[in-house]
C-alpha atoms as a PDB file:
ATOM      1  CA  UNK A   1       9.047  11.267   9.121  1.00  0.00           C
ATOM      2  CA  UNK A   2       8.557   9.671   5.711  1.00  0.00           C
ATOM      3  CA  UNK A   3       5.716   7.271   4.930  1.00  0.00           C
ATOM      4  CA  UNK A   4       8.190   4.376   4.917  1.00  0.00           C
ATOM      5  CA  UNK A   5       9.681   5.365   8.275  1.00  0.00           C
ATOM      6  CA  UNK A   6       6.215   5.737   9.804  1.00  0.00           C
ATOM      7  CA  UNK A   7       5.125   2.341   8.427  1.00  0.00           C
ATOM      8  CA  UNK A   8       8.244   0.649   9.765  1.00  0.00           C
ATOM      9  CA  UNK A   9       7.829   2.281  13.172  1.00  0.00           C
ATOM     10  CA  UNK A  10       4.254   0.965  13.291  1.00  0.00           C
ATOM     11  CA  UNK A  11       5.389  -2.514  12.220  1.00  0.00           C
ATOM     12  CA  UNK A  12       7.911  -2.535  15.057  1.00  0.00           C
ATOM     13  CA  UNK A  13       5.329  -1.281  17.549  1.00  0.00           C
ATOM     14  CA  UNK A  14       2.785  -3.941  16.537  1.00  0.00           C
ATOM     15  CA  UNK A  15       5.312  -6.787  16.612  1.00  0.00           C
ATOM     16  CA  UNK A  16       6.589  -5.826  20.061  1.00  0.00           C
ATOM     17  CA  UNK A  17       3.052  -5.580  21.475  1.00  0.00           C
ATOM     18  CA  UNK A  18       1.229  -8.422  19.685  1.00  0.00           C
ATOM     19  CA  UNK A  19       1.740 -12.080  18.815  1.00  0.00           C
ATOM     20  CA  UNK A  20       1.736 -11.889  15.006  1.00  0.00           C
ATOM     21  CA  UNK A  21       2.057 -15.214  13.198  1.00  0.00           C
ATOM     22  CA  UNK A  22       1.702 -14.237   9.529  1.00  0.00           C
ATOM     23  CA  UNK A  23       2.222 -11.400   7.109  1.00  0.00           C
ATOM     24  CA  UNK A  24      -1.510 -11.415   6.395  1.00  0.00           C
ATOM     25  CA  UNK A  25      -2.215 -10.892  10.090  1.00  0.00           C
ATOM     26  CA  UNK A  26       0.336  -8.072  10.198  1.00  0.00           C
ATOM     27  CA  UNK A  27      -1.249  -6.453   7.118  1.00  0.00           C
ATOM     28  CA  UNK A  28      -4.617  -6.463   8.910  1.00  0.00           C
ATOM     29  CA  UNK A  29      -3.041  -4.813  11.966  1.00  0.00           C
ATOM     30  CA  UNK A  30      -1.525  -2.122   9.754  1.00  0.00           C
ATOM     31  CA  UNK A  31      -4.835  -1.563   7.962  1.00  0.00           C
ATOM     32  CA  UNK A  32      -6.496  -1.177  11.363  1.00  0.00           C
ATOM     33  CA  UNK A  33      -4.116   1.710  11.985  1.00  0.00           C
ATOM     34  CA  UNK A  34      -4.901   3.261   8.596  1.00  0.00           C
ATOM     35  CA  UNK A  35      -1.763   2.037   6.813  1.00  0.00           C
ATOM     36  CA  UNK A  36      -2.284   0.336   3.459  1.00  0.00           C
ATOM     37  CA  UNK A  37       0.629  -1.493   1.842  1.00  0.00           C
ATOM     38  CA  UNK A  38       1.289  -4.510  -0.327  1.00  0.00           C
ATOM     39  CA  UNK A  39       2.549  -7.906   0.811  1.00  0.00           C
ATOM     40  CA  UNK A  40       5.706  -7.377  -1.264  1.00  0.00           C
ATOM     41  CA  UNK A  41       6.468  -4.083   0.496  1.00  0.00           C
ATOM     42  CA  UNK A  42       5.742  -5.637   3.886  1.00  0.00           C
ATOM     43  CA  UNK A  43       8.035  -8.560   3.104  1.00  0.00           C
ATOM     44  CA  UNK A  44      10.823  -6.145   2.093  1.00  0.00           C
ATOM     45  CA  UNK A  45      10.283  -4.095   5.269  1.00  0.00           C
ATOM     46  CA  UNK A  46      10.543  -7.201   7.453  1.00  0.00           C
ATOM     47  CA  UNK A  47      13.735  -8.305   5.705  1.00  0.00           C
ATOM     48  CA  UNK A  48      15.334  -4.852   5.860  1.00  0.00           C
ATOM     49  CA  UNK A  49      14.378  -4.447   9.530  1.00  0.00           C
ATOM     50  CA  UNK A  50      15.932  -7.791  10.468  1.00  0.00           C
ATOM     51  CA  UNK A  51      12.596  -9.181  11.672  1.00  0.00           C
ATOM     52  CA  UNK A  52      12.659 -12.948  12.103  1.00  0.00           C
ATOM     53  CA  UNK A  53       9.879 -15.503  12.317  1.00  0.00           C
ATOM     54  CA  UNK A  54      10.414 -18.194  14.892  1.00  0.00           C
ATOM     55  CA  UNK A  55       8.451 -20.988  16.494  1.00  0.00           C
ATOM     56  CA  UNK A  56       7.172 -20.379  20.019  1.00  0.00           C
ATOM     57  CA  UNK A  57       4.974 -22.386  22.366  1.00  0.00           C
ATOM     58  CA  UNK A  58       2.001 -20.430  20.922  1.00  0.00           C
ATOM     59  CA  UNK A  59       3.045 -21.115  17.319  1.00  0.00           C
ATOM     60  CA  UNK A  60       4.992 -19.042  14.793  1.00  0.00           C
ATOM     61  CA  UNK A  61       5.707 -15.421  15.637  1.00  0.00           C
ATOM     62  CA  UNK A  62       7.489 -12.492  14.035  1.00  0.00           C
ATOM     63  CA  UNK A  63      10.070 -11.120  16.455  1.00  0.00           C
ATOM     64  CA  UNK A  64      11.913  -7.836  16.638  1.00  0.00           C
ATOM     65  CA  UNK A  65      15.518  -7.938  17.788  1.00  0.00           C
ATOM     66  CA  UNK A  66      15.403  -5.044  20.249  1.00  0.00           C
ATOM     67  CA  UNK A  67      19.186  -4.771  19.933  1.00  0.00           C
ATOM     68  CA  UNK A  68      18.862  -4.817  16.132  1.00  0.00           C
ATOM     69  CA  UNK A  69      19.778  -2.349  13.470  1.00  0.00           C
ATOM     70  CA  UNK A  70      16.328  -0.816  13.128  1.00  0.00           C
ATOM     71  CA  UNK A  71      15.187   1.038  16.180  1.00  0.00           C
END
């Protein structure tokens, strides 16, 4: 698995398990798992993975479309 594939798998795992409201918060989660990346790369990953940010009762949240193109 490439570094990019591993990072994207971790992003998906974190977003399914946690309520993540911002890219900064997601970056901290990734750093906690030993993955260092830039905000620009993270933004590109989210776009390419089809991750959306929507408003919930608990505030904004990044959401993974479990039927989406990136599994």
